[in-house]
């Protein structure tokens, strides 16, 4: 056997090992009571987040508006360096002015970050229903541990 054929044989063996390692399933045994507790905690957090969603969105919207005004003030102070300046009057009489500033002309303030998750009503209802159903089913079982397939079905909520 030459060096070239040994390399090919080695590559085939490595590819076979890679396929085998990807295909292995892991068997996880988690106590049913722990999973129920985690799902109940997630459900409570989800309900709290949904209850506070409107307030959080308003607060974020105000912060975003304040940021935009700060950037506009900084940009207007440098209007003499503006490029691609254009002005348009819209059908309702509003005037729309836009321009570009070269990179580095102004130092931008820190943009507000959204530190909460927003859900549409249908998403929220669907998630709550799935979590409640999972809790109900897990409370009915006599099994001490949750199977891997059950865990995989509810893992996105944990």
C-alpha atoms as a PDB file:
ATOM      1  CA  UNK A   1       0.000   0.000   0.000  1.00  0.00           C
ATOM      2  CA  UNK A   2       1.402   3.355  -1.011  1.00  0.00           C
ATOM      3  CA  UNK A   3       1.213   6.618   0.932  1.00  0.00           C
ATOM      4  CA  UNK A   4      -1.557   7.943  -1.323  1.00  0.00           C
ATOM      5  CA  UNK A   5      -3.839   4.950  -0.755  1.00  0.00           C
ATOM      6  CA  UNK A   6      -3.193   5.065   3.011  1.00  0.00           C
ATOM      7  CA  UNK A   7      -4.341   8.696   3.066  1.00  0.00           C
ATOM      8  CA  UNK A   8      -7.510   7.831   1.154  1.00  0.00           C
ATOM      9  CA  UNK A   9      -8.222   4.918   3.509  1.00  0.00           C
ATOM     10  CA  UNK A  10      -7.648   7.192   6.514  1.00  0.00           C
ATOM     11  CA  UNK A  11      -9.996   9.862   5.112  1.00  0.00           C
ATOM     12  CA  UNK A  12     -12.737   7.277   4.539  1.00  0.00           C
ATOM     13  CA  UNK A  13     -12.380   6.038   8.117  1.00  0.00           C
ATOM     14  CA  UNK A  14     -12.537   9.609   9.482  1.00  0.00           C
ATOM     15  CA  UNK A  15     -15.653  10.372   7.435  1.00  0.00           C
ATOM     16  CA  UNK A  16     -17.322   7.218   8.768  1.00  0.00           C
ATOM     17  CA  UNK A  17     -16.485   8.251  12.356  1.00  0.00           C
ATOM     18  CA  UNK A  18     -17.867  11.762  11.734  1.00  0.00           C
ATOM     19  CA  UNK A  19     -21.136  10.310  10.473  1.00  0.00           C
ATOM     20  CA  UNK A  20     -21.386   8.004  13.466  1.00  0.00           C
ATOM     21  CA  UNK A  21     -20.727  10.788  15.980  1.00  0.00           C
ATOM     22  CA  UNK A  22     -23.398  13.023  14.430  1.00  0.00           C
ATOM     23  CA  UNK A  23     -25.965  10.253  14.485  1.00  0.00           C
ATOM     24  CA  UNK A  24     -25.535   9.309  18.147  1.00  0.00           C
ATOM     25  CA  UNK A  25     -28.491  10.156  20.318  1.00  0.00           C
ATOM     26  CA  UNK A  26     -27.940  11.268  23.856  1.00  0.00           C
ATOM     27  CA  UNK A  27     -30.097   9.795  26.570  1.00  0.00           C
ATOM     28  CA  UNK A  28     -31.004  12.408  29.146  1.00  0.00           C
ATOM     29  CA  UNK A  29     -32.862  11.528  32.315  1.00  0.00           C
ATOM     30  CA  UNK A  30     -34.325  14.522  34.104  1.00  0.00           C
ATOM     31  CA  UNK A  31     -36.692  14.264  37.044  1.00  0.00           C
ATOM     32  CA  UNK A  32     -40.281  14.987  36.062  1.00  0.00           C
ATOM     33  CA  UNK A  33     -40.730  17.260  39.088  1.00  0.00           C
ATOM     34  CA  UNK A  34     -37.775  19.417  37.988  1.00  0.00           C
ATOM     35  CA  UNK A  35     -39.186  19.769  34.477  1.00  0.00           C
ATOM     36  CA  UNK A  36     -42.640  20.675  35.833  1.00  0.00           C
ATOM     37  CA  UNK A  37     -41.102  23.281  38.146  1.00  0.00           C
ATOM     38  CA  UNK A  38     -39.032  24.763  35.267  1.00  0.00           C
ATOM     39  CA  UNK A  39     -42.112  24.940  33.012  1.00  0.00           C
ATOM     40  CA  UNK A  40     -44.190  26.603  35.748  1.00  0.00           C
ATOM     41  CA  UNK A  41     -41.407  29.158  36.278  1.00  0.00           C
ATOM     42  CA  UNK A  42     -41.216  29.846  32.541  1.00  0.00           C
ATOM     43  CA  UNK A  43     -45.007  30.190  32.330  1.00  0.00           C
ATOM     44  CA  UNK A  44     -45.039  32.719  35.186  1.00  0.00           C
ATOM     45  CA  UNK A  45     -42.195  34.699  33.549  1.00  0.00           C
ATOM     46  CA  UNK A  46     -43.980  34.643  30.185  1.00  0.00           C
ATOM     47  CA  UNK A  47     -47.195  35.941  31.758  1.00  0.00           C
ATOM     48  CA  UNK A  48     -45.290  38.677  33.600  1.00  0.00           C
ATOM     49  CA  UNK A  49     -43.464  39.710  30.398  1.00  0.00           C
ATOM     50  CA  UNK A  50     -46.730  39.890  28.459  1.00  0.00           C
ATOM     51  CA  UNK A  51     -48.361  41.970  31.205  1.00  0.00           C
ATOM     52  CA  UNK A  52     -45.435  44.441  31.114  1.00  0.00           C
ATOM     53  CA  UNK A  53     -45.004  44.394  27.325  1.00  0.00           C
ATOM     54  CA  UNK A  54     -46.998  47.554  26.574  1.00  0.00           C
ATOM     55  CA  UNK A  55     -45.143  49.597  29.232  1.00  0.00           C
ATOM     56  CA  UNK A  56     -41.754  48.257  28.064  1.00  0.00           C
ATOM     57  CA  UNK A  57     -42.535  49.023  24.417  1.00  0.00           C
ATOM     58  CA  UNK A  58     -43.617  52.588  25.264  1.00  0.00           C
ATOM     59  CA  UNK A  59     -40.468  53.144  27.327  1.00  0.00           C
ATOM     60  CA  UNK A  60     -38.305  51.806  24.490  1.00  0.00           C
ATOM     61  CA  UNK A  61     -40.164  53.915  21.930  1.00  0.00           C
ATOM     62  CA  UNK A  62     -39.540  57.080  23.976  1.00  0.00           C
ATOM     63  CA  UNK A  63     -35.854  56.193  24.379  1.00  0.00           C
ATOM     64  CA  UNK A  64     -35.588  55.588  20.616  1.00  0.00           C
ATOM     65  CA  UNK A  65     -37.277  58.925  19.888  1.00  0.00           C
ATOM     66  CA  UNK A  66     -34.898  60.730  22.268  1.00  0.00           C
ATOM     67  CA  UNK A  67     -31.924  59.035  20.577  1.00  0.00           C
ATOM     68  CA  UNK A  68     -33.152  60.081  17.119  1.00  0.00           C
ATOM     69  CA  UNK A  69     -33.525  63.697  18.239  1.00  0.00           C
ATOM     70  CA  UNK A  70     -30.015  63.701  19.736  1.00  0.00           C
ATOM     71  CA  UNK A  71     -28.584  62.370  16.474  1.00  0.00           C
ATOM     72  CA  UNK A  72     -30.559  64.968  14.498  1.00  0.00           C
ATOM     73  CA  UNK A  73     -29.153  67.798  16.678  1.00  0.00           C
ATOM     74  CA  UNK A  74     -25.604  66.518  16.201  1.00  0.00           C
ATOM     75  CA  UNK A  75     -26.139  66.115  12.458  1.00  0.00           C
ATOM     76  CA  UNK A  76     -27.701  69.553  11.996  1.00  0.00           C
ATOM     77  CA  UNK A  77     -24.692  71.124  13.688  1.00  0.00           C
ATOM     78  CA  UNK A  78     -22.600  69.589  10.871  1.00  0.00           C
ATOM     79  CA  UNK A  79     -25.008  70.341   7.990  1.00  0.00           C
ATOM     80  CA  UNK A  80     -22.268  72.243   6.155  1.00  0.00           C
ATOM     81  CA  UNK A  81     -20.504  68.897   5.568  1.00  0.00           C
ATOM     82  CA  UNK A  82     -23.675  67.245   4.224  1.00  0.00           C
ATOM     83  CA  UNK A  83     -23.655  65.161   1.058  1.00  0.00           C
ATOM     84  CA  UNK A  84     -26.601  63.891  -0.987  1.00  0.00           C
ATOM     85  CA  UNK A  85     -28.857  66.628   0.368  1.00  0.00           C
ATOM     86  CA  UNK A  86     -32.471  66.406  -0.786  1.00  0.00           C
ATOM     87  CA  UNK A  87     -35.794  67.973   0.181  1.00  0.00           C
ATOM     88  CA  UNK A  88     -39.275  66.804  -0.778  1.00  0.00           C
ATOM     89  CA  UNK A  89     -42.757  68.067  -0.080  1.00  0.00           C
ATOM     90  CA  UNK A  90     -45.166  65.216   0.492  1.00  0.00           C
ATOM     91  CA  UNK A  91     -48.789  65.100  -0.667  1.00  0.00           C
ATOM     92  CA  UNK A  92     -50.029  66.226   2.776  1.00  0.00           C
ATOM     93  CA  UNK A  93     -47.677  69.222   2.937  1.00  0.00           C
ATOM     94  CA  UNK A  94     -45.013  67.647   5.155  1.00  0.00           C
ATOM     95  CA  UNK A  95     -41.449  68.424   4.217  1.00  0.00           C
ATOM     96  CA  UNK A  96     -38.995  65.566   4.169  1.00  0.00           C
ATOM     97  CA  UNK A  97     -35.295  66.503   4.260  1.00  0.00           C
ATOM     98  CA  UNK A  98     -32.542  63.911   4.107  1.00  0.00           C
ATOM     99  CA  UNK A  99     -28.774  64.045   3.829  1.00  0.00           C
ATOM    100  CA  UNK A 100     -25.674  62.001   4.480  1.00  0.00           C
ATOM    101  CA  UNK A 101     -22.641  62.880   6.550  1.00  0.00           C
ATOM    102  CA  UNK A 102     -19.201  61.431   5.916  1.00  0.00           C
ATOM    103  CA  UNK A 103     -18.079  58.752   8.357  1.00  0.00           C
ATOM    104  CA  UNK A 104     -16.554  60.201  11.516  1.00  0.00           C
ATOM    105  CA  UNK A 105     -18.241  63.612  11.151  1.00  0.00           C
ATOM    106  CA  UNK A 106     -20.195  63.146  14.372  1.00  0.00           C
ATOM    107  CA  UNK A 107     -19.844  60.902  17.419  1.00  0.00           C
ATOM    108  CA  UNK A 108     -23.092  58.978  17.809  1.00  0.00           C
ATOM    109  CA  UNK A 109     -24.570  58.534  21.292  1.00  0.00           C
ATOM    110  CA  UNK A 110     -25.271  55.022  22.554  1.00  0.00           C
ATOM    111  CA  UNK A 111     -28.367  53.665  20.858  1.00  0.00           C
ATOM    112  CA  UNK A 112     -31.053  52.267  23.204  1.00  0.00           C
ATOM    113  CA  UNK A 113     -31.238  48.494  23.353  1.00  0.00           C
ATOM    114  CA  UNK A 114     -34.384  46.446  23.651  1.00  0.00           C
ATOM    115  CA  UNK A 115     -34.004  44.405  26.853  1.00  0.00           C
ATOM    116  CA  UNK A 116     -37.344  42.623  26.638  1.00  0.00           C
ATOM    117  CA  UNK A 117     -39.082  40.238  24.297  1.00  0.00           C
ATOM    118  CA  UNK A 118     -42.265  41.199  22.441  1.00  0.00           C
ATOM    119  CA  UNK A 119     -44.926  38.687  21.506  1.00  0.00           C
ATOM    120  CA  UNK A 120     -47.922  38.940  19.222  1.00  0.00           C
ATOM    121  CA  UNK A 121     -51.133  37.833  20.912  1.00  0.00           C
ATOM    122  CA  UNK A 122     -51.318  34.674  18.827  1.00  0.00           C
ATOM    123  CA  UNK A 123     -47.707  33.740  19.706  1.00  0.00           C
ATOM    124  CA  UNK A 124     -48.331  34.319  23.389  1.00  0.00           C
ATOM    125  CA  UNK A 125     -51.532  32.249  23.400  1.00  0.00           C
ATOM    126  CA  UNK A 126     -49.829  29.417  21.525  1.00  0.00           C
ATOM    127  CA  UNK A 127     -46.839  29.334  23.892  1.00  0.00           C
ATOM    128  CA  UNK A 128     -49.002  29.463  27.024  1.00  0.00           C
ATOM    129  CA  UNK A 129     -51.222  26.702  25.690  1.00  0.00           C
ATOM    130  CA  UNK A 130     -48.246  24.460  24.885  1.00  0.00           C
ATOM    131  CA  UNK A 131     -46.638  25.013  28.281  1.00  0.00           C
ATOM    132  CA  UNK A 132     -49.903  24.461  30.158  1.00  0.00           C
ATOM    133  CA  UNK A 133     -50.576  21.265  28.189  1.00  0.00           C
ATOM    134  CA  UNK A 134     -47.062  19.986  28.895  1.00  0.00           C
ATOM    135  CA  UNK A 135     -47.440  20.702  32.627  1.00  0.00           C
ATOM    136  CA  UNK A 136     -50.848  19.003  32.699  1.00  0.00           C
ATOM    137  CA  UNK A 137     -49.520  15.888  30.953  1.00  0.00           C
ATOM    138  CA  UNK A 138     -46.379  15.704  33.073  1.00  0.00           C
ATOM    139  CA  UNK A 139     -48.450  15.958  36.270  1.00  0.00           C
ATOM    140  CA  UNK A 140     -50.529  12.968  35.113  1.00  0.00           C
ATOM    141  CA  UNK A 141     -47.568  10.687  34.455  1.00  0.00           C
ATOM    142  CA  UNK A 142     -46.290   8.071  36.893  1.00  0.00           C
ATOM    143  CA  UNK A 143     -42.810   8.221  35.370  1.00  0.00           C
ATOM    144  CA  UNK A 144     -40.087   9.608  37.629  1.00  0.00           C
ATOM    145  CA  UNK A 145     -37.998  10.872  34.707  1.00  0.00           C
ATOM    146  CA  UNK A 146     -38.845  12.615  31.463  1.00  0.00           C
ATOM    147  CA  UNK A 147     -37.951  10.832  28.239  1.00  0.00           C
ATOM    148  CA  UNK A 148     -35.587  12.449  25.769  1.00  0.00           C
ATOM    149  CA  UNK A 149     -38.320  12.842  23.143  1.00  0.00           C
ATOM    150  CA  UNK A 150     -40.608  14.617  25.628  1.00  0.00           C
ATOM    151  CA  UNK A 151     -37.745  16.808  26.767  1.00  0.00           C
ATOM    152  CA  UNK A 152     -36.905  17.720  23.150  1.00  0.00           C
ATOM    153  CA  UNK A 153     -40.527  18.757  22.559  1.00  0.00           C
ATOM    154  CA  UNK A 154     -40.513  21.220  25.466  1.00  0.00           C
ATOM    155  CA  UNK A 155     -36.821  22.227  25.579  1.00  0.00           C
ATOM    156  CA  UNK A 156     -37.385  25.572  23.838  1.00  0.00           C
ATOM    157  CA  UNK A 157     -39.379  26.733  26.851  1.00  0.00           C
ATOM    158  CA  UNK A 158     -36.803  25.736  29.454  1.00  0.00           C
END
